[in-house]
C-alpha atoms as a PDB file:
ATOM      1  CA  UNK A   1      43.484 -20.493  -1.439  1.00  0.00           C
ATOM      2  CA  UNK A   2      44.559 -17.899   1.128  1.00  0.00           C
ATOM      3  CA  UNK A   3      42.442 -14.823   1.730  1.00  0.00           C
ATOM      4  CA  UNK A   4      44.086 -11.575   2.709  1.00  0.00           C
ATOM      5  CA  UNK A   5      43.403 -10.150   6.159  1.00  0.00           C
ATOM      6  CA  UNK A   6      42.049  -6.633   6.549  1.00  0.00           C
ATOM      7  CA  UNK A   7      44.071  -3.864   8.185  1.00  0.00           C
ATOM      8  CA  UNK A   8      43.643  -3.090  11.860  1.00  0.00           C
ATOM      9  CA  UNK A   9      40.516  -0.981  12.429  1.00  0.00           C
ATOM     10  CA  UNK A  10      40.356   2.198  14.477  1.00  0.00           C
ATOM     11  CA  UNK A  11      38.844   2.098  18.017  1.00  0.00           C
ATOM     12  CA  UNK A  12      35.548   3.406  16.604  1.00  0.00           C
ATOM     13  CA  UNK A  13      35.397   0.397  14.296  1.00  0.00           C
ATOM     14  CA  UNK A  14      35.848  -2.255  16.926  1.00  0.00           C
ATOM     15  CA  UNK A  15      33.887  -4.181  19.510  1.00  0.00           C
ATOM     16  CA  UNK A  16      33.303  -2.532  22.862  1.00  0.00           C
ATOM     17  CA  UNK A  17      34.974  -5.566  24.411  1.00  0.00           C
ATOM     18  CA  UNK A  18      38.434  -5.553  22.856  1.00  0.00           C
ATOM     19  CA  UNK A  19      39.792  -7.931  25.510  1.00  0.00           C
ATOM     20  CA  UNK A  20      37.353 -10.571  24.243  1.00  0.00           C
ATOM     21  CA  UNK A  21      39.132 -10.714  20.864  1.00  0.00           C
ATOM     22  CA  UNK A  22      41.320 -13.808  20.959  1.00  0.00           C
ATOM     23  CA  UNK A  23      43.893 -15.353  18.619  1.00  0.00           C
ATOM     24  CA  UNK A  24      42.829 -18.385  16.561  1.00  0.00           C
ATOM     25  CA  UNK A  25      42.256 -21.485  18.664  1.00  0.00           C
ATOM     26  CA  UNK A  26      41.561 -25.195  18.036  1.00  0.00           C
ATOM     27  CA  UNK A  27      37.932 -24.677  19.121  1.00  0.00           C
ATOM     28  CA  UNK A  28      36.862 -21.614  17.140  1.00  0.00           C
ATOM     29  CA  UNK A  29      33.897 -23.512  15.753  1.00  0.00           C
ATOM     30  CA  UNK A  30      31.555 -23.818  18.733  1.00  0.00           C
ATOM     31  CA  UNK A  31      28.929 -26.601  18.981  1.00  0.00           C
ATOM     32  CA  UNK A  32      25.374 -25.370  18.637  1.00  0.00           C
ATOM     33  CA  UNK A  33      24.537 -26.731  22.079  1.00  0.00           C
ATOM     34  CA  UNK A  34      26.582 -23.839  23.494  1.00  0.00           C
ATOM     35  CA  UNK A  35      24.061 -21.389  22.044  1.00  0.00           C
ATOM     36  CA  UNK A  36      20.442 -21.881  23.095  1.00  0.00           C
ATOM     37  CA  UNK A  37      19.144 -19.840  20.156  1.00  0.00           C
ATOM     38  CA  UNK A  38      20.990 -21.904  17.535  1.00  0.00           C
ATOM     39  CA  UNK A  39      20.350 -25.401  18.830  1.00  0.00           C
ATOM     40  CA  UNK A  40      22.511 -28.482  18.536  1.00  0.00           C
ATOM     41  CA  UNK A  41      21.094 -30.612  15.701  1.00  0.00           C
ATOM     42  CA  UNK A  42      18.793 -29.710  12.812  1.00  0.00           C
ATOM     43  CA  UNK A  43      15.476 -31.503  13.118  1.00  0.00           C
ATOM     44  CA  UNK A  44      13.893 -31.190   9.656  1.00  0.00           C
ATOM     45  CA  UNK A  45      14.432 -30.216   6.038  1.00  0.00           C
ATOM     46  CA  UNK A  46      17.308 -31.009   3.712  1.00  0.00           C
ATOM     47  CA  UNK A  47      19.875 -30.644   6.507  1.00  0.00           C
ATOM     48  CA  UNK A  48      17.938 -32.818   8.951  1.00  0.00           C
ATOM     49  CA  UNK A  49      20.216 -34.602  11.407  1.00  0.00           C
ATOM     50  CA  UNK A  50      23.205 -32.353  10.710  1.00  0.00           C
ATOM     51  CA  UNK A  51      24.939 -30.944  13.808  1.00  0.00           C
ATOM     52  CA  UNK A  52      25.274 -27.178  14.111  1.00  0.00           C
ATOM     53  CA  UNK A  53      28.435 -25.185  14.785  1.00  0.00           C
ATOM     54  CA  UNK A  54      29.089 -21.442  14.831  1.00  0.00           C
ATOM     55  CA  UNK A  55      31.892 -18.962  14.194  1.00  0.00           C
ATOM     56  CA  UNK A  56      32.143 -15.572  15.925  1.00  0.00           C
ATOM     57  CA  UNK A  57      34.313 -12.745  14.615  1.00  0.00           C
ATOM     58  CA  UNK A  58      34.758  -9.192  15.871  1.00  0.00           C
ATOM     59  CA  UNK A  59      31.734  -7.001  15.253  1.00  0.00           C
ATOM     60  CA  UNK A  60      32.310  -3.670  13.493  1.00  0.00           C
ATOM     61  CA  UNK A  61      35.947  -4.612  12.696  1.00  0.00           C
ATOM     62  CA  UNK A  62      34.608  -7.039  10.063  1.00  0.00           C
ATOM     63  CA  UNK A  63      31.326  -5.269   9.257  1.00  0.00           C
ATOM     64  CA  UNK A  64      30.425  -2.696   6.586  1.00  0.00           C
ATOM     65  CA  UNK A  65      30.319   0.814   8.073  1.00  0.00           C
ATOM     66  CA  UNK A  66      26.892   1.429   6.503  1.00  0.00           C
ATOM     67  CA  UNK A  67      25.310  -1.356   8.580  1.00  0.00           C
ATOM     68  CA  UNK A  68      21.970  -0.096   9.908  1.00  0.00           C
ATOM     69  CA  UNK A  69      22.655  -1.814  13.239  1.00  0.00           C
ATOM     70  CA  UNK A  70      26.170  -0.347  13.667  1.00  0.00           C
ATOM     71  CA  UNK A  71      25.466   1.591  16.873  1.00  0.00           C
ATOM     72  CA  UNK A  72      23.010  -0.836  18.442  1.00  0.00           C
ATOM     73  CA  UNK A  73      24.721  -4.103  17.465  1.00  0.00           C
ATOM     74  CA  UNK A  74      23.582  -6.912  19.734  1.00  0.00           C
ATOM     75  CA  UNK A  75      27.251  -7.609  20.322  1.00  0.00           C
ATOM     76  CA  UNK A  76      27.061  -4.604  22.641  1.00  0.00           C
ATOM     77  CA  UNK A  77      25.198  -6.893  25.029  1.00  0.00           C
ATOM     78  CA  UNK A  78      27.625  -9.821  24.704  1.00  0.00           C
ATOM     79  CA  UNK A  79      30.657  -8.930  26.849  1.00  0.00           C
ATOM     80  CA  UNK A  80      31.610 -12.568  27.427  1.00  0.00           C
ATOM     81  CA  UNK A  81      31.461 -13.771  23.814  1.00  0.00           C
ATOM     82  CA  UNK A  82      34.813 -14.780  22.339  1.00  0.00           C
ATOM     83  CA  UNK A  83      35.600 -12.995  19.087  1.00  0.00           C
ATOM     84  CA  UNK A  84      38.363 -14.557  16.982  1.00  0.00           C
ATOM     85  CA  UNK A  85      40.965 -12.356  15.340  1.00  0.00           C
ATOM     86  CA  UNK A  86      40.545 -12.624  11.583  1.00  0.00           C
ATOM     87  CA  UNK A  87      43.769 -10.650  11.002  1.00  0.00           C
ATOM     88  CA  UNK A  88      45.960 -13.228  12.736  1.00  0.00           C
ATOM     89  CA  UNK A  89      48.375 -15.036  10.428  1.00  0.00           C
ATOM     90  CA  UNK A  90      47.110 -18.430  11.652  1.00  0.00           C
ATOM     91  CA  UNK A  91      43.403 -17.668  11.249  1.00  0.00           C
ATOM     92  CA  UNK A  92      42.741 -19.457   7.959  1.00  0.00           C
ATOM     93  CA  UNK A  93      45.024 -22.388   8.623  1.00  0.00           C
ATOM     94  CA  UNK A  94      43.487 -23.152  12.015  1.00  0.00           C
ATOM     95  CA  UNK A  95      39.961 -22.633  10.767  1.00  0.00           C
ATOM     96  CA  UNK A  96      40.459 -25.060   7.892  1.00  0.00           C
ATOM     97  CA  UNK A  97      41.972 -27.626  10.244  1.00  0.00           C
ATOM     98  CA  UNK A  98      38.767 -27.546  12.261  1.00  0.00           C
ATOM     99  CA  UNK A  99      36.580 -27.777   9.164  1.00  0.00           C
ATOM    100  CA  UNK A 100      38.596 -30.768   7.979  1.00  0.00           C
ATOM    101  CA  UNK A 101      38.210 -32.463  11.364  1.00  0.00           C
ATOM    102  CA  UNK A 102      34.445 -31.868  11.377  1.00  0.00           C
ATOM    103  CA  UNK A 103      34.176 -33.185   7.811  1.00  0.00           C
ATOM    104  CA  UNK A 104      35.751 -36.431   8.982  1.00  0.00           C
ATOM    105  CA  UNK A 105      33.637 -36.611  12.124  1.00  0.00           C
ATOM    106  CA  UNK A 106      30.359 -35.787  10.348  1.00  0.00           C
ATOM    107  CA  UNK A 107      30.833 -37.317   6.915  1.00  0.00           C
ATOM    108  CA  UNK A 108      27.114 -37.118   6.132  1.00  0.00           C
ATOM    109  CA  UNK A 109      27.044 -33.385   6.752  1.00  0.00           C
ATOM    110  CA  UNK A 110      27.315 -30.532   9.248  1.00  0.00           C
ATOM    111  CA  UNK A 111      26.375 -26.847   9.310  1.00  0.00           C
ATOM    112  CA  UNK A 112      28.356 -23.754  10.322  1.00  0.00           C
ATOM    113  CA  UNK A 113      26.472 -20.595  11.268  1.00  0.00           C
ATOM    114  CA  UNK A 114      28.338 -17.549   9.924  1.00  0.00           C
ATOM    115  CA  UNK A 115      28.671 -15.236  11.858  1.00  0.00           C
ATOM    116  CA  UNK A 116      27.152 -14.960  15.345  1.00  0.00           C
ATOM    117  CA  UNK A 117      29.007 -11.638  15.462  1.00  0.00           C
ATOM    118  CA  UNK A 118      30.889 -10.061  12.588  1.00  0.00           C
ATOM    119  CA  UNK A 119      30.464 -10.258   8.829  1.00  0.00           C
ATOM    120  CA  UNK A 120      32.199 -11.088   5.550  1.00  0.00           C
ATOM    121  CA  UNK A 121      34.978  -8.483   5.552  1.00  0.00           C
ATOM    122  CA  UNK A 122      36.322  -8.962   2.017  1.00  0.00           C
ATOM    123  CA  UNK A 123      35.531 -10.612  -1.299  1.00  0.00           C
ATOM    124  CA  UNK A 124      38.631 -12.743  -0.774  1.00  0.00           C
ATOM    125  CA  UNK A 125      37.161 -14.039   2.477  1.00  0.00           C
ATOM    126  CA  UNK A 126      33.962 -14.974   0.646  1.00  0.00           C
ATOM    127  CA  UNK A 127      36.142 -16.735  -1.907  1.00  0.00           C
ATOM    128  CA  UNK A 128      37.871 -18.643   0.870  1.00  0.00           C
ATOM    129  CA  UNK A 129      34.528 -20.080   1.979  1.00  0.00           C
ATOM    130  CA  UNK A 130      33.828 -20.966  -1.632  1.00  0.00           C
ATOM    131  CA  UNK A 131      37.050 -22.984  -1.680  1.00  0.00           C
ATOM    132  CA  UNK A 132      36.051 -24.698   1.570  1.00  0.00           C
ATOM    133  CA  UNK A 133      32.660 -25.697   0.156  1.00  0.00           C
ATOM    134  CA  UNK A 134      34.381 -27.102  -2.915  1.00  0.00           C
ATOM    135  CA  UNK A 135      36.954 -29.026  -0.878  1.00  0.00           C
ATOM    136  CA  UNK A 136      34.726 -30.350   1.935  1.00  0.00           C
ATOM    137  CA  UNK A 137      31.455 -31.744   0.605  1.00  0.00           C
ATOM    138  CA  UNK A 138      30.082 -32.366   4.100  1.00  0.00           C
ATOM    139  CA  UNK A 139      30.272 -28.624   4.845  1.00  0.00           C
ATOM    140  CA  UNK A 140      27.127 -26.469   4.749  1.00  0.00           C
ATOM    141  CA  UNK A 141      26.922 -22.822   5.807  1.00  0.00           C
ATOM    142  CA  UNK A 142      24.249 -20.262   6.581  1.00  0.00           C
ATOM    143  CA  UNK A 143      24.200 -16.783   8.017  1.00  0.00           C
ATOM    144  CA  UNK A 144      23.473 -13.122   7.348  1.00  0.00           C
ATOM    145  CA  UNK A 145      25.307 -10.132   5.927  1.00  0.00           C
ATOM    146  CA  UNK A 146      24.762  -6.378   5.995  1.00  0.00           C
ATOM    147  CA  UNK A 147      26.559  -5.895   2.698  1.00  0.00           C
ATOM    148  CA  UNK A 148      24.378  -4.716  -0.143  1.00  0.00           C
ATOM    149  CA  UNK A 149      23.752  -7.430  -2.692  1.00  0.00           C
ATOM    150  CA  UNK A 150      24.908  -4.877  -5.303  1.00  0.00           C
ATOM    151  CA  UNK A 151      28.330  -4.300  -3.692  1.00  0.00           C
ATOM    152  CA  UNK A 152      31.489  -6.205  -4.655  1.00  0.00           C
ATOM    153  CA  UNK A 153      31.375  -8.321  -1.499  1.00  0.00           C
ATOM    154  CA  UNK A 154      27.614  -8.718  -1.757  1.00  0.00           C
ATOM    155  CA  UNK A 155      27.844  -9.880  -5.355  1.00  0.00           C
ATOM    156  CA  UNK A 156      30.440 -12.457  -4.294  1.00  0.00           C
ATOM    157  CA  UNK A 157      27.981 -13.733  -1.690  1.00  0.00           C
ATOM    158  CA  UNK A 158      25.151 -13.864  -4.235  1.00  0.00           C
ATOM    159  CA  UNK A 159      27.359 -15.993  -6.493  1.00  0.00           C
ATOM    160  CA  UNK A 160      28.321 -18.205  -3.560  1.00  0.00           C
ATOM    161  CA  UNK A 161      24.634 -18.796  -2.786  1.00  0.00           C
ATOM    162  CA  UNK A 162      23.927 -19.660  -6.397  1.00  0.00           C
ATOM    163  CA  UNK A 163      26.943 -21.889  -7.056  1.00  0.00           C
ATOM    164  CA  UNK A 164      26.346 -23.893  -3.874  1.00  0.00           C
ATOM    165  CA  UNK A 165      22.598 -23.442  -3.741  1.00  0.00           C
ATOM    166  CA  UNK A 166      21.942 -26.563  -1.664  1.00  0.00           C
ATOM    167  CA  UNK A 167      24.785 -25.974   0.777  1.00  0.00           C
ATOM    168  CA  UNK A 168      25.106 -22.205   1.207  1.00  0.00           C
ATOM    169  CA  UNK A 169      22.391 -19.883   2.541  1.00  0.00           C
ATOM    170  CA  UNK A 170      23.528 -16.351   3.372  1.00  0.00           C
ATOM    171  CA  UNK A 171      20.732 -13.796   3.724  1.00  0.00           C
ATOM    172  CA  UNK A 172      21.003 -10.057   3.067  1.00  0.00           C
ATOM    173  CA  UNK A 173      19.910  -7.968   6.045  1.00  0.00           C
ATOM    174  CA  UNK A 174      18.025  -4.705   5.465  1.00  0.00           C
ATOM    175  CA  UNK A 175      18.855  -4.865   1.768  1.00  0.00           C
ATOM    176  CA  UNK A 176      16.675  -3.271  -0.900  1.00  0.00           C
ATOM    177  CA  UNK A 177      16.693  -6.480  -2.925  1.00  0.00           C
ATOM    178  CA  UNK A 178      14.019  -9.055  -2.220  1.00  0.00           C
ATOM    179  CA  UNK A 179      16.333 -11.977  -3.019  1.00  0.00           C
ATOM    180  CA  UNK A 180      17.034 -14.045   0.060  1.00  0.00           C
ATOM    181  CA  UNK A 181      16.726 -11.197   2.526  1.00  0.00           C
ATOM    182  CA  UNK A 182      15.788 -10.223   6.066  1.00  0.00           C
ATOM    183  CA  UNK A 183      14.468  -7.085   7.733  1.00  0.00           C
ATOM    184  CA  UNK A 184      15.114  -5.715  11.209  1.00  0.00           C
ATOM    185  CA  UNK A 185      12.270  -3.881  12.949  1.00  0.00           C
ATOM    186  CA  UNK A 186      12.248  -1.749  16.065  1.00  0.00           C
ATOM    187  CA  UNK A 187       9.992  -2.609  18.958  1.00  0.00           C
ATOM    188  CA  UNK A 188       8.386  -5.927  19.776  1.00  0.00           C
ATOM    189  CA  UNK A 189       6.998  -8.428  17.242  1.00  0.00           C
ATOM    190  CA  UNK A 190       3.472  -7.466  18.325  1.00  0.00           C
ATOM    191  CA  UNK A 191       3.969  -4.127  16.567  1.00  0.00           C
ATOM    192  CA  UNK A 192       4.729  -5.533  13.138  1.00  0.00           C
ATOM    193  CA  UNK A 193       3.984  -9.248  12.939  1.00  0.00           C
ATOM    194  CA  UNK A 194       0.762  -8.453  11.056  1.00  0.00           C
ATOM    195  CA  UNK A 195       2.770  -7.152   8.080  1.00  0.00           C
ATOM    196  CA  UNK A 196       1.981  -9.495   5.191  1.00  0.00           C
ATOM    197  CA  UNK A 197       5.185  -8.762   3.266  1.00  0.00           C
ATOM    198  CA  UNK A 198       7.439 -10.433   5.826  1.00  0.00           C
ATOM    199  CA  UNK A 199       7.563 -13.625   7.866  1.00  0.00           C
ATOM    200  CA  UNK A 200       8.462 -12.986  11.530  1.00  0.00           C
ATOM    201  CA  UNK A 201      11.247 -15.103  12.979  1.00  0.00           C
ATOM    202  CA  UNK A 202       9.475 -18.023  14.745  1.00  0.00           C
ATOM    203  CA  UNK A 203      12.273 -18.305  17.317  1.00  0.00           C
ATOM    204  CA  UNK A 204      11.823 -14.688  18.397  1.00  0.00           C
ATOM    205  CA  UNK A 205       8.098 -15.307  18.716  1.00  0.00           C
ATOM    206  CA  UNK A 206       8.824 -18.354  20.903  1.00  0.00           C
ATOM    207  CA  UNK A 207       7.084 -20.619  18.398  1.00  0.00           C
ATOM    208  CA  UNK A 208      10.154 -22.867  18.197  1.00  0.00           C
ATOM    209  CA  UNK A 209      12.986 -23.504  20.627  1.00  0.00           C
ATOM    210  CA  UNK A 210      15.892 -22.834  18.266  1.00  0.00           C
ATOM    211  CA  UNK A 211      17.064 -22.134  14.726  1.00  0.00           C
ATOM    212  CA  UNK A 212      17.842 -25.840  14.331  1.00  0.00           C
ATOM    213  CA  UNK A 213      14.177 -26.607  14.966  1.00  0.00           C
ATOM    214  CA  UNK A 214      12.887 -23.786  12.740  1.00  0.00           C
ATOM    215  CA  UNK A 215      15.094 -24.039   9.571  1.00  0.00           C
ATOM    216  CA  UNK A 216      13.144 -21.244   7.818  1.00  0.00           C
ATOM    217  CA  UNK A 217      16.179 -19.043   7.124  1.00  0.00           C
ATOM    218  CA  UNK A 218      17.852 -21.638   4.924  1.00  0.00           C
ATOM    219  CA  UNK A 219      14.856 -23.635   3.696  1.00  0.00           C
ATOM    220  CA  UNK A 220      12.991 -20.690   2.172  1.00  0.00           C
ATOM    221  CA  UNK A 221      14.461 -18.414  -0.523  1.00  0.00           C
ATOM    222  CA  UNK A 222      11.362 -16.378  -1.330  1.00  0.00           C
ATOM    223  CA  UNK A 223      10.229 -15.346   2.148  1.00  0.00           C
ATOM    224  CA  UNK A 224      11.600 -12.177   3.737  1.00  0.00           C
ATOM    225  CA  UNK A 225      12.396 -13.070   7.344  1.00  0.00           C
ATOM    226  CA  UNK A 226      11.750 -10.319   9.869  1.00  0.00           C
ATOM    227  CA  UNK A 227      13.644  -9.901  13.143  1.00  0.00           C
ATOM    228  CA  UNK A 228      12.948  -7.396  15.848  1.00  0.00           C
ATOM    229  CA  UNK A 229      15.815  -5.235  17.000  1.00  0.00           C
ATOM    230  CA  UNK A 230      17.824  -6.854  19.795  1.00  0.00           C
END
């Protein structure tokens, strides 16, 4: 399956660091050890022992324009992060080559965090990940999206979560639905951690060292995870 690439966005719909957008490369999937927040290997739960990798796309260029964090995206504070060009003709081919290599290296399982920056930019792109999950049984993915769960892309993600329930965990950020969602709050956690309707991110509260040690975002479907604004 080949997903179609989106058209080139206008300057107002791009990262502030256009020079950081690079063509597809053999190392697009970065080991979790390169990101202190993510962590290198999952320490508990159903994915225990699986190594973590991450993919970074271009913020705003791949994100829905209604994203509540559009103007204050934390990518604004990441000038040195490499964003990979999803419109490049080699993007899907090179990305699958890396997934295939990781599936051979980690036959028991591995996890890709989608997306450190960026989002699911089309329903076809969601479908491409569905085909990867079907083809590579060692592959597991988790991440977040600012698409509404009621939109065409959001509905595709909901279906992806349900079809591959044990291997796909994509949360809906600032969505009105309570299904598998997150909330972003302004200010510090001290201002809202008492709210009983949400569970504050343990990593942001320094209760755990990394996402790989926490696992809450993919282990729990019913809890609404709260993050404070970066």
